[in-house]
Amino acid sequence: MASKIISIREKIYEKLKKLKGPRESFSDVIERLISSQKKDPLKYFGIGKNLPERFFKDFEEIIIQAKEAEKKESKIKLSEIWNERK
């Protein structure tokens, strides 16, 4: 396994050290922290960074419902167009 040497500030090292489990390497800690982050840019930028977690869950649910409604509407329109051509 290849490895790289990186430089971090002492404060960051101490924080990582506190997060590290007894059988965990620093690479394990960093990987765990990176993989646990959500990839939602709204959460970390602009006004999104101050919004509660429930907002993002509600927002995601609304988007899913809107997509489902759009699918149903598209099927109805397609059916109407198909029936007009018969």
PDB file of N, CA and C in Angstrom:
ATOM      1  N   MET A   1       0.846  -1.170   0.000  1.00  0.00           N
ATOM      2  CA  MET A   1       0.000   0.000   0.000  1.00  0.00           C
ATOM      3  C   MET A   1       0.894   1.237   0.000  1.00  0.00           C
ATOM      4  N   ALA A   2       0.627   2.148  -0.937  1.00  0.00           N
ATOM      5  CA  ALA A   2       1.397   3.378  -1.024  1.00  0.00           C
ATOM      6  C   ALA A   2       0.969   4.332   0.086  1.00  0.00           C
ATOM      7  N   SER A   3       1.891   5.183   0.481  1.00  0.00           N
ATOM      8  CA  SER A   3       1.549   6.173   1.504  1.00  0.00           C
ATOM      9  C   SER A   3       2.161   7.508   1.127  1.00  0.00           C
ATOM     10  N   LYS A   4       1.623   8.563   1.693  1.00  0.00           N
ATOM     11  CA  LYS A   4       2.092   9.921   1.460  1.00  0.00           C
ATOM     12  C   LYS A   4       2.330  10.581   2.807  1.00  0.00           C
ATOM     13  N   ILE A   5       3.278  11.447   2.858  1.00  0.00           N
ATOM     14  CA  ILE A   5       3.533  12.231   4.061  1.00  0.00           C
ATOM     15  C   ILE A   5       2.856  13.577   3.874  1.00  0.00           C
ATOM     16  N   ILE A   6       2.051  13.965   4.869  1.00  0.00           N
ATOM     17  CA  ILE A   6       1.392  15.271   4.814  1.00  0.00           C
ATOM     18  C   ILE A   6       1.756  16.066   6.063  1.00  0.00           C
ATOM     19  N   SER A   7       1.570  17.345   5.961  1.00  0.00           N
ATOM     20  CA  SER A   7       1.847  18.225   7.095  1.00  0.00           C
ATOM     21  C   SER A   7       0.530  18.839   7.557  1.00  0.00           C
ATOM     22  N   ILE A   8       0.278  18.752   8.863  1.00  0.00           N
ATOM     23  CA  ILE A   8      -0.923  19.362   9.425  1.00  0.00           C
ATOM     24  C   ILE A   8      -0.536  20.172  10.654  1.00  0.00           C
ATOM     25  N   ARG A   9      -1.374  21.127  10.969  1.00  0.00           N
ATOM     26  CA  ARG A   9      -1.105  21.948  12.156  1.00  0.00           C
ATOM     27  C   ARG A   9      -1.254  21.099  13.420  1.00  0.00           C
ATOM     28  N   GLU A  10      -0.562  21.485  14.460  1.00  0.00           N
ATOM     29  CA  GLU A  10      -0.585  20.759  15.735  1.00  0.00           C
ATOM     30  C   GLU A  10      -2.003  20.628  16.288  1.00  0.00           C
ATOM     31  N   LYS A  11      -2.801  21.695  16.192  1.00  0.00           N
ATOM     32  CA  LYS A  11      -4.175  21.654  16.706  1.00  0.00           C
ATOM     33  C   LYS A  11      -5.005  20.610  15.976  1.00  0.00           C
ATOM     34  N   ILE A  12      -4.808  20.522  14.669  1.00  0.00           N
ATOM     35  CA  ILE A  12      -5.537  19.541  13.880  1.00  0.00           C
ATOM     36  C   ILE A  12      -5.097  18.131  14.249  1.00  0.00           C
ATOM     37  N   TYR A  13      -3.809  17.945  14.439  1.00  0.00           N
ATOM     38  CA  TYR A  13      -3.282  16.644  14.858  1.00  0.00           C
ATOM     39  C   TYR A  13      -3.925  16.211  16.173  1.00  0.00           C
ATOM     40  N   GLU A  14      -3.998  17.121  17.125  1.00  0.00           N
ATOM     41  CA  GLU A  14      -4.581  16.803  18.437  1.00  0.00           C
ATOM     42  C   GLU A  14      -6.065  16.439  18.299  1.00  0.00           C
ATOM     43  N   LYS A  15      -6.788  17.144  17.424  1.00  0.00           N
ATOM     44  CA  LYS A  15      -8.202  16.830  17.204  1.00  0.00           C
ATOM     45  C   LYS A  15      -8.349  15.442  16.578  1.00  0.00           C
ATOM     46  N   LEU A  16      -7.518  15.154  15.583  1.00  0.00           N
ATOM     47  CA  LEU A  16      -7.564  13.832  14.952  1.00  0.00           C
ATOM     48  C   LEU A  16      -7.219  12.733  15.957  1.00  0.00           C
ATOM     49  N   LYS A  17      -6.255  13.016  16.803  1.00  0.00           N
ATOM     50  CA  LYS A  17      -5.810  12.055  17.809  1.00  0.00           C
ATOM     51  C   LYS A  17      -6.966  11.712  18.765  1.00  0.00           C
ATOM     52  N   LYS A  18      -7.771  12.728  19.126  1.00  0.00           N
ATOM     53  CA  LYS A  18      -8.910  12.498  20.014  1.00  0.00           C
ATOM     54  C   LYS A  18     -10.002  11.681  19.321  1.00  0.00           C
ATOM     55  N   LEU A  19     -10.118  11.827  18.010  1.00  0.00           N
ATOM     56  CA  LEU A  19     -11.146  11.101  17.248  1.00  0.00           C
ATOM     57  C   LEU A  19     -10.736   9.666  16.934  1.00  0.00           C
ATOM     58  N   LYS A  20      -9.455   9.396  17.041  1.00  0.00           N
ATOM     59  CA  LYS A  20      -8.905   8.098  16.649  1.00  0.00           C
ATOM     60  C   LYS A  20      -9.245   7.030  17.677  1.00  0.00           C
ATOM     61  N   GLY A  21      -9.759   5.910  17.181  1.00  0.00           N
ATOM     62  CA  GLY A  21     -10.034   4.770  18.049  1.00  0.00           C
ATOM     63  C   GLY A  21      -8.746   4.032  18.374  1.00  0.00           C
ATOM     64  N   PRO A  22      -8.792   3.110  19.350  1.00  0.00           N
ATOM     65  CA  PRO A  22      -7.572   2.405  19.778  1.00  0.00           C
ATOM     66  C   PRO A  22      -6.927   1.558  18.675  1.00  0.00           C
ATOM     67  N   ARG A  23      -7.719   1.022  17.778  1.00  0.00           N
ATOM     68  CA  ARG A  23      -7.165   0.184  16.699  1.00  0.00           C
ATOM     69  C   ARG A  23      -7.270   0.874  15.342  1.00  0.00           C
ATOM     70  N   GLU A  24      -7.427   2.177  15.375  1.00  0.00           N
ATOM     71  CA  GLU A  24      -7.642   2.934  14.152  1.00  0.00           C
ATOM     72  C   GLU A  24      -6.385   3.733  13.800  1.00  0.00           C
ATOM     73  N   SER A  25      -6.073   3.772  12.519  1.00  0.00           N
ATOM     74  CA  SER A  25      -4.954   4.604  12.064  1.00  0.00           C
ATOM     75  C   SER A  25      -5.482   6.006  11.769  1.00  0.00           C
ATOM     76  N   PHE A  26      -4.581   6.955  11.601  1.00  0.00           N
ATOM     77  CA  PHE A  26      -5.004   8.298  11.226  1.00  0.00           C
ATOM     78  C   PHE A  26      -5.676   8.274   9.846  1.00  0.00           C
ATOM     79  N   SER A  27      -5.200   7.421   8.961  1.00  0.00           N
ATOM     80  CA  SER A  27      -5.847   7.276   7.650  1.00  0.00           C
ATOM     81  C   SER A  27      -7.284   6.812   7.814  1.00  0.00           C
ATOM     82  N   ASP A  28      -7.511   5.881   8.754  1.00  0.00           N
ATOM     83  CA  ASP A  28      -8.871   5.400   9.024  1.00  0.00           C
ATOM     84  C   ASP A  28      -9.763   6.537   9.511  1.00  0.00           C
ATOM     85  N   VAL A  29      -9.237   7.358  10.402  1.00  0.00           N
ATOM     86  CA  VAL A  29     -10.002   8.488  10.943  1.00  0.00           C
ATOM     87  C   VAL A  29     -10.361   9.461   9.827  1.00  0.00           C
ATOM     88  N   ILE A  30      -9.381   9.816   9.025  1.00  0.00           N
ATOM     89  CA  ILE A  30      -9.616  10.763   7.941  1.00  0.00           C
ATOM     90  C   ILE A  30     -10.617  10.193   6.948  1.00  0.00           C
ATOM     91  N   GLU A  31     -10.470   8.922   6.600  1.00  0.00           N
ATOM     92  CA  GLU A  31     -11.402   8.284   5.673  1.00  0.00           C
ATOM     93  C   GLU A  31     -12.822   8.269   6.250  1.00  0.00           C
ATOM     94  N   ARG A  32     -12.949   7.954   7.541  1.00  0.00           N
ATOM     95  CA  ARG A  32     -14.260   7.937   8.189  1.00  0.00           C
ATOM     96  C   ARG A  32     -14.906   9.316   8.148  1.00  0.00           C
ATOM     97  N   LEU A  33     -14.113  10.348   8.438  1.00  0.00           N
ATOM     98  CA  LEU A  33     -14.640  11.712   8.435  1.00  0.00           C
ATOM     99  C   LEU A  33     -15.065  12.147   7.039  1.00  0.00           C
ATOM    100  N   ILE A  34     -14.262  11.812   6.054  1.00  0.00           N
ATOM    101  CA  ILE A  34     -14.581  12.198   4.675  1.00  0.00           C
ATOM    102  C   ILE A  34     -15.821  11.460   4.182  1.00  0.00           C
ATOM    103  N   SER A  35     -15.892  10.165   4.448  1.00  0.00           N
ATOM    104  CA  SER A  35     -17.025   9.383   3.932  1.00  0.00           C
ATOM    105  C   SER A  35     -18.329   9.706   4.649  1.00  0.00           C
ATOM    106  N   SER A  36     -18.256  10.243   5.850  1.00  0.00           N
ATOM    107  CA  SER A  36     -19.487  10.557   6.580  1.00  0.00           C
ATOM    108  C   SER A  36     -20.075  11.904   6.186  1.00  0.00           C
ATOM    109  N   GLN A  37     -19.322  12.686   5.441  1.00  0.00           N
ATOM    110  CA  GLN A  37     -19.830  13.990   5.012  1.00  0.00           C
ATOM    111  C   GLN A  37     -20.879  13.822   3.935  1.00  0.00           C
ATOM    112  N   LYS A  38     -21.920  14.632   4.028  1.00  0.00           N
ATOM    113  CA  LYS A  38     -22.921  14.658   2.960  1.00  0.00           C
ATOM    114  C   LYS A  38     -22.337  15.477   1.812  1.00  0.00           C
ATOM    115  N   LYS A  39     -22.766  15.118   0.645  1.00  0.00           N
ATOM    116  CA  LYS A  39     -22.263  15.801  -0.542  1.00  0.00           C
ATOM    117  C   LYS A  39     -23.211  16.900  -1.007  1.00  0.00           C
ATOM    118  N   ASP A  40     -23.989  17.442  -0.090  1.00  0.00           N
ATOM    119  CA  ASP A  40     -24.972  18.456  -0.426  1.00  0.00           C
ATOM    120  C   ASP A  40     -24.355  19.852  -0.297  1.00  0.00           C
ATOM    121  N   PRO A  41     -24.088  20.530  -1.421  1.00  0.00           N
ATOM    122  CA  PRO A  41     -23.439  21.839  -1.344  1.00  0.00           C
ATOM    123  C   PRO A  41     -24.272  22.886  -0.626  1.00  0.00           C
ATOM    124  N   LEU A  42     -25.602  22.771  -0.659  1.00  0.00           N
ATOM    125  CA  LEU A  42     -26.440  23.747   0.037  1.00  0.00           C
ATOM    126  C   LEU A  42     -26.179  23.751   1.532  1.00  0.00           C
ATOM    127  N   LYS A  43     -25.795  22.601   2.049  1.00  0.00           N
ATOM    128  CA  LYS A  43     -25.578  22.484   3.484  1.00  0.00           C
ATOM    129  C   LYS A  43     -24.335  23.247   3.941  1.00  0.00           C
ATOM    130  N   TYR A  44     -23.378  23.420   3.067  1.00  0.00           N
ATOM    131  CA  TYR A  44     -22.109  23.993   3.472  1.00  0.00           C
ATOM    132  C   TYR A  44     -21.845  25.397   2.934  1.00  0.00           C
ATOM    133  N   PHE A  45     -22.687  25.870   2.024  1.00  0.00           N
ATOM    134  CA  PHE A  45     -22.452  27.175   1.424  1.00  0.00           C
ATOM    135  C   PHE A  45     -23.694  28.050   1.530  1.00  0.00           C
ATOM    136  N   GLY A  46     -23.478  29.341   1.525  1.00  0.00           N
ATOM    137  CA  GLY A  46     -24.583  30.286   1.522  1.00  0.00           C
ATOM    138  C   GLY A  46     -25.489  30.115   2.717  1.00  0.00           C
ATOM    139  N   ILE A  47     -26.779  30.351   2.514  1.00  0.00           N
ATOM    140  CA  ILE A  47     -27.716  30.263   3.628  1.00  0.00           C
ATOM    141  C   ILE A  47     -27.918  28.825   4.087  1.00  0.00           C
ATOM    142  N   GLY A  48     -27.618  27.870   3.235  1.00  0.00           N
ATOM    143  CA  GLY A  48     -27.818  26.466   3.573  1.00  0.00           C
ATOM    144  C   GLY A  48     -27.023  26.017   4.777  1.00  0.00           C
ATOM    145  N   LYS A  49     -25.879  26.629   5.015  1.00  0.00           N
ATOM    146  CA  LYS A  49     -25.044  26.168   6.124  1.00  0.00           C
ATOM    147  C   LYS A  49     -25.683  26.429   7.485  1.00  0.00           C
ATOM    148  N   ASN A  50     -26.676  27.327   7.537  1.00  0.00           N
ATOM    149  CA  ASN A  50     -27.328  27.642   8.804  1.00  0.00           C
ATOM    150  C   ASN A  50     -28.666  26.936   8.978  1.00  0.00           C
ATOM    151  N   LEU A  51     -29.053  26.126   8.024  1.00  0.00           N
ATOM    152  CA  LEU A  51     -30.345  25.456   8.092  1.00  0.00           C
ATOM    153  C   LEU A  51     -30.234  24.138   8.856  1.00  0.00           C
ATOM    154  N   PRO A  52     -31.299  23.761   9.565  1.00  0.00           N
ATOM    155  CA  PRO A  52     -31.265  22.497  10.315  1.00  0.00           C
ATOM    156  C   PRO A  52     -31.308  21.292   9.380  1.00  0.00           C
ATOM    157  N   GLU A  53     -30.829  20.163   9.880  1.00  0.00           N
ATOM    158  CA  GLU A  53     -30.763  18.929   9.092  1.00  0.00           C
ATOM    159  C   GLU A  53     -32.145  18.525   8.575  1.00  0.00           C
ATOM    160  N   ARG A  54     -33.191  18.731   9.370  1.00  0.00           N
ATOM    161  CA  ARG A  54     -34.538  18.337   8.956  1.00  0.00           C
ATOM    162  C   ARG A  54     -34.972  19.067   7.692  1.00  0.00           C
ATOM    163  N   PHE A  55     -34.462  20.296   7.501  1.00  0.00           N
ATOM    164  CA  PHE A  55     -34.791  21.044   6.293  1.00  0.00           C
ATOM    165  C   PHE A  55     -34.355  20.270   5.060  1.00  0.00           C
ATOM    166  N   PHE A  56     -33.156  19.710   5.090  1.00  0.00           N
ATOM    167  CA  PHE A  56     -32.620  18.994   3.938  1.00  0.00           C
ATOM    168  C   PHE A  56     -33.388  17.707   3.676  1.00  0.00           C
ATOM    169  N   LYS A  57     -33.812  17.047   4.741  1.00  0.00           N
ATOM    170  CA  LYS A  57     -34.615  15.831   4.569  1.00  0.00           C
ATOM    171  C   LYS A  57     -35.971  16.181   3.971  1.00  0.00           C
ATOM    172  N   ASP A  58     -36.596  17.249   4.483  1.00  0.00           N
ATOM    173  CA  ASP A  58     -37.883  17.692   3.933  1.00  0.00           C
ATOM    174  C   ASP A  58     -37.735  18.125   2.480  1.00  0.00           C
ATOM    175  N   PHE A  59     -36.678  18.856   2.186  1.00  0.00           N
ATOM    176  CA  PHE A  59     -36.413  19.344   0.831  1.00  0.00           C
ATOM    177  C   PHE A  59     -36.241  18.166  -0.128  1.00  0.00           C
ATOM    178  N   GLU A  60     -35.484  17.170   0.311  1.00  0.00           N
ATOM    179  CA  GLU A  60     -35.263  15.982  -0.512  1.00  0.00           C
ATOM    180  C   GLU A  60     -36.588  15.255  -0.773  1.00  0.00           C
ATOM    181  N   GLU A  61     -37.421  15.144   0.253  1.00  0.00           N
ATOM    182  CA  GLU A  61     -38.721  14.481   0.100  1.00  0.00           C
ATOM    183  C   GLU A  61     -39.610  15.240  -0.884  1.00  0.00           C
ATOM    184  N   ILE A  62     -39.602  16.562  -0.809  1.00  0.00           N
ATOM    185  CA  ILE A  62     -40.396  17.381  -1.729  1.00  0.00           C
ATOM    186  C   ILE A  62     -39.933  17.167  -3.165  1.00  0.00           C
ATOM    187  N   ILE A  63     -38.634  17.104  -3.367  1.00  0.00           N
ATOM    188  CA  ILE A  63     -38.089  16.881  -4.711  1.00  0.00           C
ATOM    189  C   ILE A  63     -38.526  15.506  -5.227  1.00  0.00           C
ATOM    190  N   ILE A  64     -38.458  14.490  -4.377  1.00  0.00           N
ATOM    191  CA  ILE A  64     -38.864  13.140  -4.781  1.00  0.00           C
ATOM    192  C   ILE A  64     -40.342  13.129  -5.162  1.00  0.00           C
ATOM    193  N   GLN A  65     -41.179  13.779  -4.335  1.00  0.00           N
ATOM    194  CA  GLN A  65     -42.615  13.839  -4.633  1.00  0.00           C
ATOM    195  C   GLN A  65     -42.882  14.586  -5.941  1.00  0.00           C
ATOM    196  N   ALA A  66     -42.157  15.672  -6.169  1.00  0.00           N
ATOM    197  CA  ALA A  66     -42.330  16.445  -7.406  1.00  0.00           C
ATOM    198  C   ALA A  66     -41.937  15.613  -8.624  1.00  0.00           C
ATOM    199  N   LYS A  67     -40.872  14.854  -8.503  1.00  0.00           N
ATOM    200  CA  LYS A  67     -40.446  14.000  -9.614  1.00  0.00           C
ATOM    201  C   LYS A  67     -41.489  12.928  -9.902  1.00  0.00           C
ATOM    202  N   GLU A  68     -42.041  12.342  -8.853  1.00  0.00           N
ATOM    203  CA  GLU A  68     -43.084  11.326  -9.039  1.00  0.00           C
ATOM    204  C   GLU A  68     -44.317  11.930  -9.704  1.00  0.00           C
ATOM    205  N   ALA A  69     -44.718  13.124  -9.267  1.00  0.00           N
ATOM    206  CA  ALA A  69     -45.870  13.800  -9.867  1.00  0.00           C
ATOM    207  C   ALA A  69     -45.592  14.120 -11.332  1.00  0.00           C
ATOM    208  N   GLU A  70     -44.365  14.537 -11.623  1.00  0.00           N
ATOM    209  CA  GLU A  70     -43.995  14.848 -13.005  1.00  0.00           C
ATOM    210  C   GLU A  70     -44.036  13.591 -13.871  1.00  0.00           C
ATOM    211  N   LYS A  71     -43.597  12.454 -13.326  1.00  0.00           N
ATOM    212  CA  LYS A  71     -43.659  11.192 -14.067  1.00  0.00           C
ATOM    213  C   LYS A  71     -45.099  10.838 -14.406  1.00  0.00           C
ATOM    214  N   LYS A  72     -45.975  10.956 -13.404  1.00  0.00           N
ATOM    215  CA  LYS A  72     -47.393  10.632 -13.627  1.00  0.00           C
ATOM    216  C   LYS A  72     -47.992  11.547 -14.692  1.00  0.00           C
ATOM    217  N   GLU A  73     -47.692  12.838 -14.598  1.00  0.00           N
ATOM    218  CA  GLU A  73     -48.214  13.806 -15.561  1.00  0.00           C
ATOM    219  C   GLU A  73     -47.692  13.510 -16.964  1.00  0.00           C
ATOM    220  N   SER A  74     -46.428  13.165 -17.061  1.00  0.00           N
ATOM    221  CA  SER A  74     -45.832  12.834 -18.359  1.00  0.00           C
ATOM    222  C   SER A  74     -46.490  11.598 -18.965  1.00  0.00           C
ATOM    223  N   LYS A  75     -46.779  10.594 -18.133  1.00  0.00           N
ATOM    224  CA  LYS A  75     -47.436   9.380 -18.624  1.00  0.00           C
ATOM    225  C   LYS A  75     -48.832   9.708 -19.150  1.00  0.00           C
ATOM    226  N   ILE A  76     -49.553  10.564 -18.434  1.00  0.00           N
ATOM    227  CA  ILE A  76     -50.901  10.955 -18.860  1.00  0.00           C
ATOM    228  C   ILE A  76     -50.837  11.697 -20.194  1.00  0.00           C
ATOM    229  N   LYS A  77     -49.926  12.665 -20.303  1.00  0.00           N
ATOM    230  CA  LYS A  77     -49.784  13.427 -21.552  1.00  0.00           C
ATOM    231  C   LYS A  77     -49.385  12.517 -22.707  1.00  0.00           C
ATOM    232  N   LEU A  78     -48.457  11.606 -22.448  1.00  0.00           N
ATOM    233  CA  LEU A  78     -48.019  10.677 -23.487  1.00  0.00           C
ATOM    234  C   LEU A  78     -49.180   9.789 -23.934  1.00  0.00           C
ATOM    235  N   SER A  79     -49.962   9.336 -22.964  1.00  0.00           N
ATOM    236  CA  SER A  79     -51.127   8.517 -23.272  1.00  0.00           C
ATOM    237  C   SER A  79     -52.136   9.297 -24.117  1.00  0.00           C
ATOM    238  N   GLU A  80     -52.362  10.567 -23.779  1.00  0.00           N
ATOM    239  CA  GLU A  80     -53.284  11.411 -24.538  1.00  0.00           C
ATOM    240  C   GLU A  80     -52.793  11.599 -25.971  1.00  0.00           C
ATOM    241  N   ILE A  81     -51.513  11.869 -26.114  1.00  0.00           N
ATOM    242  CA  ILE A  81     -50.932  12.052 -27.449  1.00  0.00           C
ATOM    243  C   ILE A  81     -51.052  10.762 -28.250  1.00  0.00           C
ATOM    244  N   TRP A  82     -50.766   9.631 -27.594  1.00  0.00           N
ATOM    245  CA  TRP A  82     -50.826   8.335 -28.258  1.00  0.00           C
ATOM    246  C   TRP A  82     -52.243   8.040 -28.731  1.00  0.00           C
ATOM    247  N   ASN A  83     -53.215   8.335 -27.867  1.00  0.00           N
ATOM    248  CA  ASN A  83     -54.621   8.056 -28.199  1.00  0.00           C
ATOM    249  C   ASN A  83     -55.116   8.994 -29.328  1.00  0.00           C
ATOM    250  N   GLU A  84     -54.614  10.233 -29.382  1.00  0.00           N
ATOM    251  CA  GLU A  84     -54.990  11.155 -30.452  1.00  0.00           C
ATOM    252  C   GLU A  84     -54.488  10.675 -31.802  1.00  0.00           C
ATOM    253  N   ARG A  85     -53.388   9.993 -31.829  1.00  0.00           N
ATOM    254  CA  ARG A  85     -52.791   9.519 -33.094  1.00  0.00           C
ATOM    255  C   ARG A  85     -53.435   8.230 -33.604  1.00  0.00           C
ATOM    256  N   LYS A  86     -54.205   7.589 -32.789  1.00  0.00           N
ATOM    257  CA  LYS A  86     -54.839   6.321 -33.222  1.00  0.00           C
ATOM    258  C   LYS A  86     -55.947   6.559 -34.190  1.00  0.00           C
TER     259      LYS A  86
END
